[in-house]
Amino acid sequence: AQANDKPALGRFVRRMHSAVSQMDVTGRVTAQLNPLQQLLIMNNPLLEPGDHLRYPLRPQHVRVSGALVEDCLLEHVPGMQLEDYLGQCPKDSIADPSYAYVIQPDGTSDQYGVAYWNQQSVNVAVGAIIYVPVRENMLAPTTSEFNQDMARMLATQYRLGGRFGE
């Protein structure tokens, strides 16, 4: 960013680096949250002695992160559309106006169109993370997968009661 005289990208990289450096390596895997099912070894072949299960509290918010002036923590409103959440958070000049990623609390991450010409309807679950990507033309060819990688990484970081999830 500095070498190519892109100060907005530099600010974004520093902000994201600071946020990511505070995140734990989770090793997160999707599991049923039924305590009785957890007792059956056939339902938990990945659990080993010393592993811990965390049952998150139900959140009340949706987090919007990425190419924004600053992250937003918004109240979840049933039926509210992706573009409505995005409209409440000031975007940075490097934000891609065409699409966003929705990372659902179950760890799934999908890209959705948000521009007038490609707008898609999506159910944003309570506790979801919306990632606003950087425009592709701002990224170097060697970092062209940055947005997809960031969305996948955020999907492993979803932690209620933690620094990132809420």
C-alpha atoms as a PDB file:
ATOM      1  CA  ALA A   1       0.000   0.000   0.000  1.00  0.00           C
ATOM      2  CA  GLN A   2       2.802   2.422   0.859  1.00  0.00           C
ATOM      3  CA  ALA A   3       4.871   1.484  -2.179  1.00  0.00           C
ATOM      4  CA  ASN A   4       1.907   2.102  -4.485  1.00  0.00           C
ATOM      5  CA  ASP A   5       0.827   5.335  -2.767  1.00  0.00           C
ATOM      6  CA  LYS A   6      -2.515   3.979  -1.490  1.00  0.00           C
ATOM      7  CA  PRO A   7      -2.948   5.586   1.944  1.00  0.00           C
ATOM      8  CA  ALA A   8      -6.565   4.395   2.368  1.00  0.00           C
ATOM      9  CA  LEU A   9      -5.459   0.824   1.754  1.00  0.00           C
ATOM     10  CA  GLY A  10      -2.610   1.304   4.212  1.00  0.00           C
ATOM     11  CA  ARG A  11      -5.043   2.472   6.923  1.00  0.00           C
ATOM     12  CA  PHE A  12      -7.279  -0.514   6.214  1.00  0.00           C
ATOM     13  CA  VAL A  13      -4.361  -2.970   6.390  1.00  0.00           C
ATOM     14  CA  ARG A  14      -3.176  -1.508   9.708  1.00  0.00           C
ATOM     15  CA  ARG A  15      -6.710  -1.635  11.170  1.00  0.00           C
ATOM     16  CA  MET A  16      -7.284  -5.221  10.026  1.00  0.00           C
ATOM     17  CA  HIS A  17      -3.803  -6.290  11.166  1.00  0.00           C
ATOM     18  CA  SER A  18      -4.530  -4.905  14.619  1.00  0.00           C
ATOM     19  CA  ALA A  19      -7.885  -6.718  14.785  1.00  0.00           C
ATOM     20  CA  VAL A  20      -6.556 -10.031  13.459  1.00  0.00           C
ATOM     21  CA  SER A  21      -3.485 -10.024  15.702  1.00  0.00           C
ATOM     22  CA  GLN A  22      -5.806  -9.976  18.742  1.00  0.00           C
ATOM     23  CA  MET A  23      -7.763 -13.030  17.552  1.00  0.00           C
ATOM     24  CA  ASP A  24      -7.094 -16.505  18.857  1.00  0.00           C
ATOM     25  CA  VAL A  25      -6.307 -19.529  16.736  1.00  0.00           C
ATOM     26  CA  THR A  26      -9.558 -21.363  17.376  1.00  0.00           C
ATOM     27  CA  GLY A  27      -9.425 -24.629  15.468  1.00  0.00           C
ATOM     28  CA  ARG A  28     -13.161 -24.141  15.261  1.00  0.00           C
ATOM     29  CA  VAL A  29     -15.252 -26.989  13.954  1.00  0.00           C
ATOM     30  CA  THR A  30     -19.021 -27.130  13.568  1.00  0.00           C
ATOM     31  CA  ALA A  31     -20.711 -29.329  16.144  1.00  0.00           C
ATOM     32  CA  GLN A  32     -24.195 -30.003  17.427  1.00  0.00           C
ATOM     33  CA  LEU A  33     -24.989 -27.938  20.505  1.00  0.00           C
ATOM     34  CA  ASN A  34     -26.956 -30.740  22.106  1.00  0.00           C
ATOM     35  CA  PRO A  35     -25.089 -31.722  25.299  1.00  0.00           C
ATOM     36  CA  LEU A  36     -26.528 -35.255  25.282  1.00  0.00           C
ATOM     37  CA  GLN A  37     -25.324 -35.812  21.721  1.00  0.00           C
ATOM     38  CA  GLN A  38     -21.857 -34.643  22.745  1.00  0.00           C
ATOM     39  CA  LEU A  39     -21.579 -37.600  25.135  1.00  0.00           C
ATOM     40  CA  LEU A  40     -21.746 -40.077  22.247  1.00  0.00           C
ATOM     41  CA  ILE A  41     -18.275 -40.695  20.844  1.00  0.00           C
ATOM     42  CA  MET A  42     -19.753 -41.440  17.400  1.00  0.00           C
ATOM     43  CA  ASN A  43     -20.935 -37.800  17.272  1.00  0.00           C
ATOM     44  CA  ASN A  44     -17.566 -36.410  18.325  1.00  0.00           C
ATOM     45  CA  PRO A  45     -14.707 -38.226  16.660  1.00  0.00           C
ATOM     46  CA  LEU A  46     -12.637 -35.024  16.845  1.00  0.00           C
ATOM     47  CA  LEU A  47     -12.883 -34.533  20.613  1.00  0.00           C
ATOM     48  CA  GLU A  48      -9.848 -35.533  22.599  1.00  0.00           C
ATOM     49  CA  PRO A  49      -9.019 -35.378  26.303  1.00  0.00           C
ATOM     50  CA  GLY A  50      -8.463 -31.753  27.278  1.00  0.00           C
ATOM     51  CA  ASP A  51     -10.740 -30.323  24.558  1.00  0.00           C
ATOM     52  CA  HIS A  52     -13.327 -27.787  25.676  1.00  0.00           C
ATOM     53  CA  LEU A  53     -16.786 -27.091  24.334  1.00  0.00           C
ATOM     54  CA  ARG A  54     -18.197 -23.588  24.580  1.00  0.00           C
ATOM     55  CA  TYR A  55     -21.904 -23.000  24.308  1.00  0.00           C
ATOM     56  CA  PRO A  56     -22.351 -19.397  23.191  1.00  0.00           C
ATOM     57  CA  LEU A  57     -25.076 -17.155  24.496  1.00  0.00           C
ATOM     58  CA  ARG A  58     -27.612 -15.983  21.937  1.00  0.00           C
ATOM     59  CA  PRO A  59     -26.444 -12.637  20.546  1.00  0.00           C
ATOM     60  CA  GLN A  60     -28.622  -9.632  19.807  1.00  0.00           C
ATOM     61  CA  HIS A  61     -26.407  -7.998  17.193  1.00  0.00           C
ATOM     62  CA  VAL A  62     -24.876  -8.196  13.736  1.00  0.00           C
ATOM     63  CA  ARG A  63     -21.269  -7.078  13.284  1.00  0.00           C
ATOM     64  CA  VAL A  64     -20.182  -5.288  10.102  1.00  0.00           C
ATOM     65  CA  SER A  65     -16.433  -5.296   9.465  1.00  0.00           C
ATOM     66  CA  GLY A  66     -13.948  -4.816   6.654  1.00  0.00           C
ATOM     67  CA  ALA A  67     -13.471  -1.824   4.362  1.00  0.00           C
ATOM     68  CA  LEU A  68     -15.327   0.602   6.617  1.00  0.00           C
ATOM     69  CA  VAL A  69     -14.403   3.780   8.429  1.00  0.00           C
ATOM     70  CA  GLU A  70     -14.780   1.618  11.573  1.00  0.00           C
ATOM     71  CA  ASP A  71     -16.507  -1.626  12.493  1.00  0.00           C
ATOM     72  CA  CYS A  72     -20.191  -1.442  13.402  1.00  0.00           C
ATOM     73  CA  LEU A  73     -22.131  -3.475  15.931  1.00  0.00           C
ATOM     74  CA  LEU A  74     -25.804  -3.195  14.974  1.00  0.00           C
ATOM     75  CA  GLU A  75     -28.938  -4.510  16.606  1.00  0.00           C
ATOM     76  CA  HIS A  76     -30.346  -7.502  14.740  1.00  0.00           C
ATOM     77  CA  VAL A  77     -33.762  -6.798  13.246  1.00  0.00           C
ATOM     78  CA  PRO A  78     -35.625  -9.859  11.898  1.00  0.00           C
ATOM     79  CA  GLY A  79     -36.269  -9.507   8.179  1.00  0.00           C
ATOM     80  CA  MET A  80     -33.797  -6.652   7.729  1.00  0.00           C
ATOM     81  CA  GLN A  81     -31.849  -7.009   4.482  1.00  0.00           C
ATOM     82  CA  LEU A  82     -28.109  -7.029   3.955  1.00  0.00           C
ATOM     83  CA  GLU A  83     -28.097  -3.630   2.242  1.00  0.00           C
ATOM     84  CA  ASP A  84     -29.980  -2.128   5.207  1.00  0.00           C
ATOM     85  CA  TYR A  85     -27.233  -3.202   7.600  1.00  0.00           C
ATOM     86  CA  LEU A  86     -24.559  -1.968   5.204  1.00  0.00           C
ATOM     87  CA  GLY A  87     -26.312   1.396   4.870  1.00  0.00           C
ATOM     88  CA  GLN A  88     -25.797   2.058   8.574  1.00  0.00           C
ATOM     89  CA  CYS A  89     -22.002   1.774   8.440  1.00  0.00           C
ATOM     90  CA  PRO A  90     -19.849   4.376   6.675  1.00  0.00           C
ATOM     91  CA  LYS A  91     -17.715   2.659   4.035  1.00  0.00           C
ATOM     92  CA  ASP A  92     -14.103   3.470   3.318  1.00  0.00           C
ATOM     93  CA  SER A  93     -13.160   4.729  -0.151  1.00  0.00           C
ATOM     94  CA  ILE A  94     -11.552   1.345  -0.888  1.00  0.00           C
ATOM     95  CA  ALA A  95     -14.772  -0.634  -0.234  1.00  0.00           C
ATOM     96  CA  ASP A  96     -16.149  -2.728  -3.063  1.00  0.00           C
ATOM     97  CA  PRO A  97     -19.689  -1.431  -3.732  1.00  0.00           C
ATOM     98  CA  SER A  98     -20.757  -4.578  -5.609  1.00  0.00           C
ATOM     99  CA  TYR A  99     -20.780  -7.332  -3.011  1.00  0.00           C
ATOM    100  CA  ALA A 100     -20.315  -8.328   0.625  1.00  0.00           C
ATOM    101  CA  TYR A 101     -19.737 -11.538   2.540  1.00  0.00           C
ATOM    102  CA  VAL A 102     -22.179 -12.815   5.125  1.00  0.00           C
ATOM    103  CA  ILE A 103     -20.655 -15.082   7.732  1.00  0.00           C
ATOM    104  CA  GLN A 104     -23.432 -16.866   9.570  1.00  0.00           C
ATOM    105  CA  PRO A 105     -23.029 -18.036  13.181  1.00  0.00           C
ATOM    106  CA  ASP A 106     -22.741 -21.650  11.995  1.00  0.00           C
ATOM    107  CA  GLY A 107     -19.481 -20.744  10.224  1.00  0.00           C
ATOM    108  CA  THR A 108     -20.783 -20.649   6.656  1.00  0.00           C
ATOM    109  CA  SER A 109     -19.515 -17.779   4.552  1.00  0.00           C
ATOM    110  CA  ASP A 110     -21.084 -16.684   1.254  1.00  0.00           C
ATOM    111  CA  GLN A 111     -20.651 -13.738  -1.086  1.00  0.00           C
ATOM    112  CA  TYR A 112     -23.760 -11.731  -2.027  1.00  0.00           C
ATOM    113  CA  GLY A 113     -24.393  -8.953  -4.515  1.00  0.00           C
ATOM    114  CA  VAL A 114     -25.325  -5.633  -2.894  1.00  0.00           C
ATOM    115  CA  ALA A 115     -25.249  -3.190  -5.819  1.00  0.00           C
ATOM    116  CA  TYR A 116     -28.459  -2.165  -7.567  1.00  0.00           C
ATOM    117  CA  TRP A 117     -27.648  -4.352 -10.583  1.00  0.00           C
ATOM    118  CA  ASN A 118     -26.743  -7.543  -8.665  1.00  0.00           C
ATOM    119  CA  GLN A 119     -28.596  -7.229  -5.364  1.00  0.00           C
ATOM    120  CA  GLN A 120     -29.438 -10.530  -3.703  1.00  0.00           C
ATOM    121  CA  SER A 121     -31.781 -11.212  -0.829  1.00  0.00           C
ATOM    122  CA  VAL A 122     -30.213 -12.992   2.125  1.00  0.00           C
ATOM    123  CA  ASN A 123     -31.366 -13.847   5.608  1.00  0.00           C
ATOM    124  CA  VAL A 124     -28.833 -12.250   7.953  1.00  0.00           C
ATOM    125  CA  ALA A 125     -29.003 -14.333  11.111  1.00  0.00           C
ATOM    126  CA  VAL A 126     -28.715 -12.854  14.564  1.00  0.00           C
ATOM    127  CA  GLY A 127     -25.020 -12.935  15.416  1.00  0.00           C
ATOM    128  CA  ALA A 128     -23.852 -12.856  11.789  1.00  0.00           C
ATOM    129  CA  ILE A 129     -20.742 -11.016  10.644  1.00  0.00           C
ATOM    130  CA  ILE A 130     -20.915  -8.988   7.435  1.00  0.00           C
ATOM    131  CA  TYR A 131     -17.545  -8.450   5.790  1.00  0.00           C
ATOM    132  CA  VAL A 132     -17.237  -5.518   3.364  1.00  0.00           C
ATOM    133  CA  PRO A 133     -14.467  -6.402   0.897  1.00  0.00           C
ATOM    134  CA  VAL A 134     -11.756  -4.206  -0.546  1.00  0.00           C
ATOM    135  CA  ARG A 135     -12.129  -3.395  -4.261  1.00  0.00           C
ATOM    136  CA  GLU A 136     -10.145  -5.919  -6.295  1.00  0.00           C
ATOM    137  CA  ASN A 137      -8.277  -3.179  -8.197  1.00  0.00           C
ATOM    138  CA  MET A 138      -6.799  -1.991  -4.895  1.00  0.00           C
ATOM    139  CA  LEU A 139      -5.126  -5.361  -4.287  1.00  0.00           C
ATOM    140  CA  ALA A 140      -1.875  -6.621  -5.759  1.00  0.00           C
ATOM    141  CA  PRO A 141      -2.063  -9.722  -7.980  1.00  0.00           C
ATOM    142  CA  THR A 142      -0.339 -11.714  -5.235  1.00  0.00           C
ATOM    143  CA  THR A 143      -3.108 -10.823  -2.777  1.00  0.00           C
ATOM    144  CA  SER A 144      -6.091 -11.237  -5.094  1.00  0.00           C
ATOM    145  CA  GLU A 145      -7.629 -13.855  -2.754  1.00  0.00           C
ATOM    146  CA  PHE A 146      -7.469 -11.516   0.258  1.00  0.00           C
ATOM    147  CA  ASN A 147     -11.223 -10.907   0.572  1.00  0.00           C
ATOM    148  CA  GLN A 148     -12.159 -14.582   0.321  1.00  0.00           C
ATOM    149  CA  ASP A 149      -9.408 -15.505   2.769  1.00  0.00           C
ATOM    150  CA  MET A 150     -10.496 -12.812   5.210  1.00  0.00           C
ATOM    151  CA  ALA A 151     -14.124 -13.989   5.124  1.00  0.00           C
ATOM    152  CA  ARG A 152     -13.032 -17.606   5.703  1.00  0.00           C
ATOM    153  CA  MET A 153     -10.800 -16.552   8.577  1.00  0.00           C
ATOM    154  CA  LEU A 154     -13.579 -14.502  10.195  1.00  0.00           C
ATOM    155  CA  ALA A 155     -15.825 -17.568   9.990  1.00  0.00           C
ATOM    156  CA  THR A 156     -13.391 -19.397  12.297  1.00  0.00           C
ATOM    157  CA  GLN A 157     -13.317 -16.468  14.713  1.00  0.00           C
ATOM    158  CA  TYR A 158     -16.979 -16.188  15.512  1.00  0.00           C
ATOM    159  CA  ARG A 159     -17.020 -16.051  19.293  1.00  0.00           C
ATOM    160  CA  LEU A 160     -19.912 -14.734  21.302  1.00  0.00           C
ATOM    161  CA  GLY A 161     -18.739 -12.952  24.358  1.00  0.00           C
ATOM    162  CA  GLY A 162     -15.288 -12.631  22.798  1.00  0.00           C
ATOM    163  CA  ARG A 163     -13.507  -9.721  21.228  1.00  0.00           C
ATOM    164  CA  PHE A 164     -14.864 -10.234  17.736  1.00  0.00           C
ATOM    165  CA  GLY A 165     -18.310 -11.898  17.725  1.00  0.00           C
ATOM    166  CA  GLU A 166     -19.796  -9.493  20.262  1.00  0.00           C
END
